[in-house]
Amino acid sequence: MNSWLDNYAYRIPMTGWIFVAAVVMAVIVALGTISYQAIKAAKANPVKSLRAN
């Protein structure tokens, strides 16, 4: 991959921490979204949901 990137005029070094940071951020966003939806579902009144259908 580095040899392919060497053909560009502007280069930055590809280090492992960039990929680790991207994975950590994706996991944080996913866990935040799942947690929000789970808490919202737990707080919801099931009677209102059943009457709406």
PDB file of N, CA and C in Angstrom:
ATOM      1  N   MET A   1       0.830  -1.190   0.000  1.00  0.00           N
ATOM      2  CA  MET A   1       0.000   0.000   0.000  1.00  0.00           C
ATOM      3  C   MET A   1       0.877   1.256   0.000  1.00  0.00           C
ATOM      4  N   ASN A   2       1.972   1.188   0.722  1.00  0.00           N
ATOM      5  CA  ASN A   2       2.858   2.352   0.764  1.00  0.00           C
ATOM      6  C   ASN A   2       3.446   2.665  -0.608  1.00  0.00           C
ATOM      7  N   SER A   3       3.757   1.639  -1.385  1.00  0.00           N
ATOM      8  CA  SER A   3       4.315   1.899  -2.720  1.00  0.00           C
ATOM      9  C   SER A   3       3.274   2.548  -3.630  1.00  0.00           C
ATOM     10  N   TRP A   4       2.012   2.185  -3.472  1.00  0.00           N
ATOM     11  CA  TRP A   4       0.949   2.819  -4.250  1.00  0.00           C
ATOM     12  C   TRP A   4       0.771   4.273  -3.826  1.00  0.00           C
ATOM     13  N   LEU A   5       0.849   4.541  -2.530  1.00  0.00           N
ATOM     14  CA  LEU A   5       0.687   5.905  -2.034  1.00  0.00           C
ATOM     15  C   LEU A   5       1.893   6.792  -2.355  1.00  0.00           C
ATOM     16  N   ASP A   6       3.047   6.193  -2.606  1.00  0.00           N
ATOM     17  CA  ASP A   6       4.238   6.974  -2.937  1.00  0.00           C
ATOM     18  C   ASP A   6       4.098   7.713  -4.267  1.00  0.00           C
ATOM     19  N   ASN A   7       3.168   7.329  -5.120  1.00  0.00           N
ATOM     20  CA  ASN A   7       2.984   7.991  -6.405  1.00  0.00           C
ATOM     21  C   ASN A   7       2.305   9.347  -6.280  1.00  0.00           C
ATOM     22  N   TYR A   8       1.730   9.651  -5.144  1.00  0.00           N
ATOM     23  CA  TYR A   8       1.042  10.935  -4.958  1.00  0.00           C
ATOM     24  C   TYR A   8       2.034  12.014  -4.546  1.00  0.00           C
ATOM     25  N   ALA A   9       1.731  13.254  -4.933  1.00  0.00           N
ATOM     26  CA  ALA A   9       2.627  14.366  -4.627  1.00  0.00           C
ATOM     27  C   ALA A   9       2.616  14.685  -3.133  1.00  0.00           C
ATOM     28  N   TYR A  10       1.447  14.615  -2.505  1.00  0.00           N
ATOM     29  CA  TYR A  10       1.331  14.904  -1.081  1.00  0.00           C
ATOM     30  C   TYR A  10       1.112  13.595  -0.340  1.00  0.00           C
ATOM     31  N   ARG A  11       2.022  13.294   0.567  1.00  0.00           N
ATOM     32  CA  ARG A  11       1.968  12.013   1.260  1.00  0.00           C
ATOM     33  C   ARG A  11       1.941  12.237   2.769  1.00  0.00           C
ATOM     34  N   ILE A  12       1.241  11.344   3.442  1.00  0.00           N
ATOM     35  CA  ILE A  12       1.302  11.275   4.898  1.00  0.00           C
ATOM     36  C   ILE A  12       1.661   9.843   5.257  1.00  0.00           C
ATOM     37  N   PRO A  13       2.356   9.662   6.344  1.00  0.00           N
ATOM     38  CA  PRO A  13       2.714   8.288   6.718  1.00  0.00           C
ATOM     39  C   PRO A  13       1.482   7.524   7.202  1.00  0.00           C
ATOM     40  N   MET A  14       1.394   6.265   6.782  1.00  0.00           N
ATOM     41  CA  MET A  14       0.289   5.407   7.207  1.00  0.00           C
ATOM     42  C   MET A  14       0.738   4.624   8.431  1.00  0.00           C
ATOM     43  N   THR A  15       0.237   5.007   9.585  1.00  0.00           N
ATOM     44  CA  THR A  15       0.601   4.302  10.810  1.00  0.00           C
ATOM     45  C   THR A  15      -0.612   3.548  11.343  1.00  0.00           C
ATOM     46  N   GLY A  16      -0.348   2.601  12.196  1.00  0.00           N
ATOM     47  CA  GLY A  16      -1.406   1.740  12.716  1.00  0.00           C
ATOM     48  C   GLY A  16      -2.401   2.446  13.614  1.00  0.00           C
ATOM     49  N   TRP A  17      -1.962   3.504  14.296  1.00  0.00           N
ATOM     50  CA  TRP A  17      -2.877   4.154  15.239  1.00  0.00           C
ATOM     51  C   TRP A  17      -4.041   4.839  14.526  1.00  0.00           C
ATOM     52  N   ILE A  18      -3.886   5.188  13.269  1.00  0.00           N
ATOM     53  CA  ILE A  18      -4.983   5.801  12.521  1.00  0.00           C
ATOM     54  C   ILE A  18      -6.129   4.800  12.373  1.00  0.00           C
ATOM     55  N   PHE A  19      -5.789   3.556  12.055  1.00  0.00           N
ATOM     56  CA  PHE A  19      -6.808   2.529  11.902  1.00  0.00           C
ATOM     57  C   PHE A  19      -7.421   2.147  13.239  1.00  0.00           C
ATOM     58  N   VAL A  20      -6.605   2.112  14.278  1.00  0.00           N
ATOM     59  CA  VAL A  20      -7.116   1.809  15.611  1.00  0.00           C
ATOM     60  C   VAL A  20      -8.075   2.909  16.069  1.00  0.00           C
ATOM     61  N   ALA A  21      -7.721   4.154  15.824  1.00  0.00           N
ATOM     62  CA  ALA A  21      -8.586   5.267  16.203  1.00  0.00           C
ATOM     63  C   ALA A  21      -9.910   5.214  15.438  1.00  0.00           C
ATOM     64  N   ALA A  22      -9.867   4.846  14.177  1.00  0.00           N
ATOM     65  CA  ALA A  22     -11.094   4.748  13.382  1.00  0.00           C
ATOM     66  C   ALA A  22     -11.999   3.641  13.917  1.00  0.00           C
ATOM     67  N   VAL A  23     -11.418   2.514  14.277  1.00  0.00           N
ATOM     68  CA  VAL A  23     -12.211   1.409  14.820  1.00  0.00           C
ATOM     69  C   VAL A  23     -12.813   1.796  16.167  1.00  0.00           C
ATOM     70  N   VAL A  24     -12.030   2.446  17.014  1.00  0.00           N
ATOM     71  CA  VAL A  24     -12.528   2.869  18.324  1.00  0.00           C
ATOM     72  C   VAL A  24     -13.671   3.858  18.167  1.00  0.00           C
ATOM     73  N   MET A  25     -13.524   4.806  17.260  1.00  0.00           N
ATOM     74  CA  MET A  25     -14.599   5.783  17.047  1.00  0.00           C
ATOM     75  C   MET A  25     -15.860   5.117  16.509  1.00  0.00           C
ATOM     76  N   ALA A  26     -15.706   4.152  15.613  1.00  0.00           N
ATOM     77  CA  ALA A  26     -16.870   3.442  15.073  1.00  0.00           C
ATOM     78  C   ALA A  26     -17.576   2.646  16.157  1.00  0.00           C
ATOM     79  N   VAL A  27     -16.812   2.022  17.039  1.00  0.00           N
ATOM     80  CA  VAL A  27     -17.411   1.262  18.141  1.00  0.00           C
ATOM     81  C   VAL A  27     -18.129   2.189  19.107  1.00  0.00           C
ATOM     82  N   ILE A  28     -17.547   3.339  19.395  1.00  0.00           N
ATOM     83  CA  ILE A  28     -18.187   4.303  20.298  1.00  0.00           C
ATOM     84  C   ILE A  28     -19.500   4.794  19.706  1.00  0.00           C
ATOM     85  N   VAL A  29     -19.503   5.116  18.426  1.00  0.00           N
ATOM     86  CA  VAL A  29     -20.735   5.583  17.782  1.00  0.00           C
ATOM     87  C   VAL A  29     -21.785   4.469  17.775  1.00  0.00           C
ATOM     88  N   ALA A  30     -21.366   3.253  17.474  1.00  0.00           N
ATOM     89  CA  ALA A  30     -22.308   2.128  17.446  1.00  0.00           C
ATOM     90  C   ALA A  30     -22.886   1.865  18.827  1.00  0.00           C
ATOM     91  N   LEU A  31     -22.049   1.831  19.849  1.00  0.00           N
ATOM     92  CA  LEU A  31     -22.538   1.588  21.208  1.00  0.00           C
ATOM     93  C   LEU A  31     -23.436   2.721  21.689  1.00  0.00           C
ATOM     94  N   GLY A  32     -23.095   3.944  21.327  1.00  0.00           N
ATOM     95  CA  GLY A  32     -23.944   5.074  21.698  1.00  0.00           C
ATOM     96  C   GLY A  32     -25.312   4.995  21.052  1.00  0.00           C
ATOM     97  N   THR A  33     -25.350   4.643  19.791  1.00  0.00           N
ATOM     98  CA  THR A  33     -26.613   4.518  19.072  1.00  0.00           C
ATOM     99  C   THR A  33     -27.461   3.385  19.632  1.00  0.00           C
ATOM    100  N   ILE A  34     -26.837   2.238  19.855  1.00  0.00           N
ATOM    101  CA  ILE A  34     -27.562   1.089  20.394  1.00  0.00           C
ATOM    102  C   ILE A  34     -28.070   1.385  21.797  1.00  0.00           C
ATOM    103  N   SER A  35     -27.247   2.017  22.605  1.00  0.00           N
ATOM    104  CA  SER A  35     -27.662   2.354  23.974  1.00  0.00           C
ATOM    105  C   SER A  35     -28.838   3.322  23.967  1.00  0.00           C
ATOM    106  N   TYR A  36     -28.767   4.322  23.106  1.00  0.00           N
ATOM    107  CA  TYR A  36     -29.857   5.290  23.030  1.00  0.00           C
ATOM    108  C   TYR A  36     -31.167   4.621  22.628  1.00  0.00           C
ATOM    109  N   GLN A  37     -31.110   3.773  21.614  1.00  0.00           N
ATOM    110  CA  GLN A  37     -32.315   3.087  21.152  1.00  0.00           C
ATOM    111  C   GLN A  37     -32.847   2.120  22.213  1.00  0.00           C
ATOM    112  N   ALA A  38     -31.965   1.438  22.928  1.00  0.00           N
ATOM    113  CA  ALA A  38     -32.394   0.499  23.966  1.00  0.00           C
ATOM    114  C   ALA A  38     -33.052   1.229  25.127  1.00  0.00           C
ATOM    115  N   ILE A  39     -32.485   2.350  25.531  1.00  0.00           N
ATOM    116  CA  ILE A  39     -33.073   3.130  26.629  1.00  0.00           C
ATOM    117  C   ILE A  39     -34.404   3.716  26.200  1.00  0.00           C
ATOM    118  N   LYS A  40     -34.480   4.198  24.966  1.00  0.00           N
ATOM    119  CA  LYS A  40     -35.738   4.747  24.453  1.00  0.00           C
ATOM    120  C   LYS A  40     -36.821   3.669  24.415  1.00  0.00           C
ATOM    121  N   ALA A  41     -36.469   2.463  24.002  1.00  0.00           N
ATOM    122  CA  ALA A  41     -37.435   1.367  23.950  1.00  0.00           C
ATOM    123  C   ALA A  41     -37.840   0.927  25.349  1.00  0.00           C
ATOM    124  N   ALA A  42     -36.921   0.951  26.291  1.00  0.00           N
ATOM    125  CA  ALA A  42     -37.238   0.539  27.654  1.00  0.00           C
ATOM    126  C   ALA A  42     -38.163   1.533  28.342  1.00  0.00           C
ATOM    127  N   LYS A  43     -38.032   2.809  28.006  1.00  0.00           N
ATOM    128  CA  LYS A  43     -38.865   3.840  28.615  1.00  0.00           C
ATOM    129  C   LYS A  43     -40.232   3.967  27.956  1.00  0.00           C
ATOM    130  N   ALA A  44     -40.381   3.414  26.778  1.00  0.00           N
ATOM    131  CA  ALA A  44     -41.626   3.566  26.030  1.00  0.00           C
ATOM    132  C   ALA A  44     -42.756   2.800  26.712  1.00  0.00           C
ATOM    133  N   ASN A  45     -43.951   3.331  26.578  1.00  0.00           N
ATOM    134  CA  ASN A  45     -45.135   2.694  27.134  1.00  0.00           C
ATOM    135  C   ASN A  45     -45.633   1.659  26.130  1.00  0.00           C
ATOM    136  N   PRO A  46     -45.660   0.370  26.494  1.00  0.00           N
ATOM    137  CA  PRO A  46     -46.078  -0.647  25.532  1.00  0.00           C
ATOM    138  C   PRO A  46     -47.556  -0.541  25.153  1.00  0.00           C
ATOM    139  N   VAL A  47     -48.367   0.016  26.025  1.00  0.00           N
ATOM    140  CA  VAL A  47     -49.796   0.140  25.722  1.00  0.00           C
ATOM    141  C   VAL A  47     -50.007   1.099  24.560  1.00  0.00           C
ATOM    142  N   LYS A  48     -49.281   2.202  24.543  1.00  0.00           N
ATOM    143  CA  LYS A  48     -49.389   3.161  23.436  1.00  0.00           C
ATOM    144  C   LYS A  48     -48.964   2.525  22.129  1.00  0.00           C
ATOM    145  N   SER A  49     -47.922   1.715  22.178  1.00  0.00           N
ATOM    146  CA  SER A  49     -47.448   1.055  20.969  1.00  0.00           C
ATOM    147  C   SER A  49     -48.470   0.062  20.440  1.00  0.00           C
ATOM    148  N   LEU A  50     -49.129  -0.675  21.316  1.00  0.00           N
ATOM    149  CA  LEU A  50     -50.113  -1.672  20.888  1.00  0.00           C
ATOM    150  C   LEU A  50     -51.395  -1.003  20.365  1.00  0.00           C
ATOM    151  N   ARG A  51     -51.775   0.107  20.949  1.00  0.00           N
ATOM    152  CA  ARG A  51     -52.991   0.803  20.510  1.00  0.00           C
ATOM    153  C   ARG A  51     -52.793   1.479  19.162  1.00  0.00           C
ATOM    154  N   ALA A  52     -51.574   1.875  18.826  1.00  0.00           N
ATOM    155  CA  ALA A  52     -51.317   2.565  17.568  1.00  0.00           C
ATOM    156  C   ALA A  52     -51.493   1.636  16.362  1.00  0.00           C
ATOM    157  N   ASN A  53     -51.340   0.346  16.561  1.00  0.00           N
ATOM    158  CA  ASN A  53     -51.452  -0.587  15.434  1.00  0.00           C
ATOM    159  C   ASN A  53     -52.807  -1.104  15.347  1.00  0.00           C
TER     160      ASN A  53
END
